[in-house]
Each structure stands twice: as C-alpha cells, then as structure tokens.
Protein backbone atom coordinates (compact mmCIF):
# COMPACT_ATOMS: atom_id res chain seq x y z
CA MET A 1 29.47 -3.33 8.58
CA THR A 2 27.71 -5.55 6.04
CA THR A 3 25.22 -4.12 3.58
CA VAL A 4 22.08 -6.23 3.53
CA ALA A 5 20.34 -6.56 0.18
CA ARG A 6 16.70 -6.16 1.24
CA LEU A 7 13.97 -6.14 -1.37
CA THR A 8 11.71 -3.09 -1.57
CA ARG A 9 8.89 -2.31 -3.96
CA GLN A 10 10.41 1.10 -4.60
CA ASP A 11 13.75 -0.22 -5.86
CA ALA A 12 13.06 -3.69 -7.29
CA ALA A 13 12.28 -4.83 -10.81
CA LEU A 14 11.33 -8.37 -11.87
CA LEU A 15 13.35 -9.80 -14.75
CA VAL A 16 11.73 -12.76 -16.56
CA VAL A 17 14.43 -14.37 -18.70
CA ASP A 18 13.61 -16.56 -21.70
CA VAL A 19 10.56 -18.48 -20.42
CA GLN A 20 9.84 -19.68 -23.95
CA GLU A 21 7.55 -22.25 -25.57
CA LYS A 22 10.24 -24.48 -27.06
CA LEU A 23 12.58 -24.32 -24.06
CA LEU A 24 10.15 -25.07 -21.24
CA PRO A 25 9.27 -28.71 -22.04
CA SER A 26 12.89 -29.84 -21.59
CA ILE A 27 13.47 -27.93 -18.34
CA PHE A 28 14.05 -29.69 -14.99
CA GLU A 29 10.94 -29.18 -12.84
CA GLU A 30 9.28 -27.12 -15.56
CA GLU A 31 5.94 -26.92 -13.74
CA ARG A 32 7.61 -25.40 -10.66
CA VAL A 33 9.34 -22.76 -12.76
CA ARG A 34 6.19 -21.95 -14.73
CA GLY A 35 3.95 -21.78 -11.65
CA ASN A 36 6.30 -19.59 -9.64
CA THR A 37 6.98 -17.31 -12.60
CA LEU A 38 3.24 -16.82 -13.08
CA ALA A 39 2.75 -16.06 -9.38
CA LEU A 40 5.63 -13.57 -9.42
CA VAL A 41 4.41 -11.76 -12.53
CA ARG A 42 0.91 -11.43 -11.07
CA ALA A 43 2.25 -10.36 -7.67
CA ALA A 44 4.50 -7.77 -9.30
CA GLN A 45 1.39 -6.19 -10.82
CA VAL A 46 -0.33 -6.13 -7.41
CA LEU A 47 2.73 -4.62 -5.74
CA GLY A 48 3.61 -2.11 -8.45
CA VAL A 49 6.95 -3.74 -9.26
CA PRO A 50 7.92 -3.23 -12.91
CA VAL A 51 8.65 -6.27 -15.07
CA LEU A 52 11.08 -6.77 -17.94
CA VAL A 53 10.93 -9.90 -20.09
CA THR A 54 13.42 -11.27 -22.60
CA GLU A 55 13.35 -13.88 -25.34
CA GLN A 56 16.44 -15.70 -26.60
CA TYR A 57 16.31 -16.07 -30.39
CA PRO A 58 12.49 -16.36 -30.59
CA LYS A 59 12.58 -17.41 -34.28
CA GLY A 60 14.13 -20.69 -33.22
CA LEU A 61 13.07 -21.05 -29.58
CA GLY A 62 9.56 -19.65 -29.79
CA LYS A 63 7.93 -16.76 -28.01
CA THR A 64 7.28 -16.42 -24.29
CA ALA A 65 5.06 -19.27 -23.06
CA THR A 66 1.42 -18.36 -23.68
CA ASP A 67 0.25 -18.41 -20.06
CA VAL A 68 3.22 -16.30 -18.96
CA ALA A 69 2.73 -13.86 -21.86
CA GLU A 70 -0.96 -13.49 -20.94
CA ALA A 71 -0.04 -12.78 -17.31
CA LEU A 72 2.46 -10.16 -18.48
CA ALA A 73 -0.51 -8.16 -19.80
CA GLY A 74 1.13 -6.31 -22.64
CA VAL A 75 4.73 -6.14 -21.40
CA ALA A 76 6.70 -6.36 -24.63
CA ALA A 77 9.45 -8.98 -24.73
CA ILE A 78 12.94 -7.78 -25.56
CA GLU A 79 14.52 -10.08 -28.13
CA LYS A 80 18.17 -10.99 -27.76
CA LEU A 81 20.86 -13.19 -29.25
CA THR A 82 23.44 -12.70 -26.50
CA PHE A 83 23.13 -15.03 -23.54
CA SER A 84 23.34 -12.14 -21.08
CA THR A 85 20.42 -9.75 -21.11
CA PHE A 86 23.01 -7.00 -20.65
CA GLY A 87 24.42 -7.79 -24.10
CA GLU A 88 21.22 -6.43 -25.67
CA PRO A 89 21.23 -2.60 -25.80
CA ALA A 90 17.41 -2.43 -25.78
CA PHE A 91 17.38 -4.30 -22.46
CA VAL A 92 20.02 -2.06 -20.90
CA GLU A 93 18.07 1.04 -21.98
CA ALA A 94 14.77 -0.34 -20.67
CA LEU A 95 16.36 -1.24 -17.33
CA LYS A 96 18.01 2.16 -16.94
CA ALA A 97 14.68 3.86 -17.73
CA LEU A 98 13.10 2.08 -14.75
CA GLY A 99 15.57 3.65 -12.34
CA ARG A 100 15.64 0.50 -10.18
CA ARG A 101 18.85 -0.87 -8.65
CA THR A 102 17.63 -4.28 -7.46
CA LEU A 103 16.75 -7.13 -9.80
CA ILE A 104 14.63 -10.16 -8.96
CA VAL A 105 15.63 -12.73 -11.58
CA VAL A 106 13.58 -15.71 -12.78
CA GLY A 107 13.58 -17.86 -15.91
CA ILE A 108 15.77 -20.26 -17.86
CA GLU A 109 18.42 -21.53 -18.21
CA ALA A 110 20.04 -21.04 -14.81
CA HIS A 111 23.56 -21.96 -15.92
CA VAL A 112 23.56 -19.95 -19.16
CA CYS A 113 21.41 -16.85 -19.68
CA ILE A 114 20.51 -16.41 -16.02
CA THR A 115 24.09 -16.75 -14.77
CA GLN A 116 25.56 -14.48 -17.44
CA SER A 117 22.85 -11.85 -16.87
CA VAL A 118 23.36 -11.97 -13.11
CA LEU A 119 27.15 -11.66 -13.40
CA ASP A 120 26.76 -8.63 -15.65
CA ALA A 121 24.14 -7.09 -13.34
CA LEU A 122 26.43 -7.50 -10.34
CA SER A 123 29.34 -6.01 -12.30
CA ALA A 124 27.11 -3.03 -13.17
CA GLY A 125 26.39 -2.44 -9.48
CA TYR A 126 22.92 -3.95 -9.20
CA GLN A 127 21.73 -5.92 -6.18
CA VAL A 128 20.49 -9.25 -7.53
CA HIS A 129 18.08 -11.78 -6.03
CA VAL A 130 17.85 -15.08 -7.93
CA LEU A 131 14.78 -17.11 -7.00
CA ALA A 132 15.93 -20.73 -6.94
CA ASP A 133 12.40 -22.12 -7.30
CA ALA A 134 11.67 -19.93 -10.33
CA VAL A 135 14.81 -20.67 -12.35
CA SER A 136 16.01 -23.94 -13.83
CA SER A 137 18.04 -25.67 -16.54
CA ARG A 138 17.61 -28.78 -18.65
CA THR A 139 19.44 -30.80 -16.00
CA GLU A 140 19.33 -30.62 -12.22
CA ALA A 141 23.14 -30.54 -12.11
CA ASN A 142 23.36 -27.43 -14.29
CA TRP A 143 20.57 -25.74 -12.29
CA ARG A 144 22.47 -26.34 -9.05
CA LEU A 145 25.81 -25.28 -10.54
CA GLY A 146 24.27 -22.09 -11.91
CA LEU A 147 22.82 -21.20 -8.50
CA ALA A 148 26.15 -21.87 -6.79
CA ARG A 149 28.07 -19.76 -9.32
CA MET A 150 25.69 -16.81 -8.91
CA GLN A 151 25.75 -17.02 -5.12
CA GLN A 152 29.57 -17.15 -5.09
CA ALA A 153 29.59 -14.02 -7.25
CA GLY A 154 27.42 -12.12 -4.77
CA ALA A 155 23.82 -12.71 -5.78
CA VAL A 156 21.24 -13.45 -3.10
CA VAL A 157 19.69 -16.86 -3.77
CA SER A 158 16.24 -17.15 -2.25
CA SER A 159 12.72 -18.32 -3.17
CA THR A 160 9.46 -17.01 -4.55
CA GLU A 161 7.84 -16.80 -1.13
CA MET A 162 10.90 -15.24 0.48
CA ALA A 163 10.93 -12.49 -2.15
CA LEU A 164 7.20 -11.85 -2.05
CA PHE A 165 6.98 -11.62 1.74
CA GLU A 166 10.00 -9.33 1.80
CA LEU A 167 8.35 -7.07 -0.79
CA LEU A 168 5.10 -7.11 1.20
CA HIS A 169 6.88 -6.22 4.46
CA VAL A 170 3.66 -6.44 6.51
CA ALA A 171 0.57 -8.65 6.76
CA GLY A 172 -3.05 -7.52 6.87
CA THR A 173 -3.04 -5.26 3.82
CA PRO A 174 -5.15 -5.70 0.68
CA GLU A 175 -1.91 -6.46 -1.24
CA PHE A 176 -0.99 -9.14 1.30
CA LYS A 177 -4.32 -10.86 0.81
CA GLU A 178 -4.03 -10.76 -2.99
CA VAL A 179 -0.47 -12.07 -3.02
CA LEU A 180 -1.31 -14.78 -0.50
CA ARG A 181 -4.00 -16.07 -2.88
CA LEU A 182 -1.39 -16.33 -5.63
CA ILE A 183 0.98 -18.54 -3.65
CA LYS A 184 -1.36 -20.73 -1.59
C-alpha cells in the first residue's frame, strides 16, 4: 500500500528559503515566485501554519526582500552559509521545536539551496512538498532540473493553489474566503 503525502494544517510548516533582495532580480520568473511566496506566507498566517525563513549569506546577498519580510510579520530569518538549510544548527533546532513532519518549500534557488534542503529533509524522514510556481533559479533550465531532481528523490512537486486547497480541505469557511482573496 502506498503512503500518500497529504498536507494538513496540523503537521505542515512553510519553509521560505533565501528570498533575498540581491538574488531576486536575476531569478527566472521572479514576479511569479515573489507573488506566490507572498500569498503563501499570508495564507499560512490565516491557516495557523508556522513559517521558517532562511537567508543565505545576507552580508553579501542582502536580507529577505522587503515585501516578503513585511508579510512575515516578525518571523526572524535564520542566517546560513551552507546551501542546505539543514546544515545550519539554528534551523534544525527551530524546525524540531515546531514538531511538524511535513515541509512546504518555496524560495530560491531551486537547483542549489532548495534541492539540497529538500534532499536533507527527505533523508531526515520529512514529507516534502515543493511548490513549482514558488521556487525558481537564475535560469529556466536549472529550475526545471532542480524540480526533476527533487521529485526523483521523493518530494511531491505541486503548486501554490494545490497546496493551499489541500490545507483548506473544505470550502465555505472564513479561512477559505480569506485564502481565496489571496490567490485570485
């Protein structure tokens, strides 16, 4: 029997990886990534899904993009030098403290920090959902290769709307109406 990796509000955490000022302008379909990341961060707040955010070498690559940082409403970024978020002990501790076993992963770059973080998360026994429309790389080719590598390793590759509707589970609730406004 196959285990299906369904998203639930009770077990999921949103991981926003390296959506930084100096990286974003060179990213393939940057506006798509930024817009979907903002919608996901805001929806996570509505749905009670905790959020972790990382920054890769912020001294050189800048802090989290201003609009994303504002939407994060006080969630402190975890600085890292390793490409994988799991290489930073502060991240591992923060994730363990959440007690969640499913990660929804968004950010940049898909073929570097996202892929390495996802591989480490899978190795550590986490269920991982990578949202293809909320991750990217500097080139389309590397974005696509990163997604393929993560899917081959066992990650679920889906989209912002797929994840949000799965987390909602049912229409007609106040949360449904709020989330719908964020994505329409």
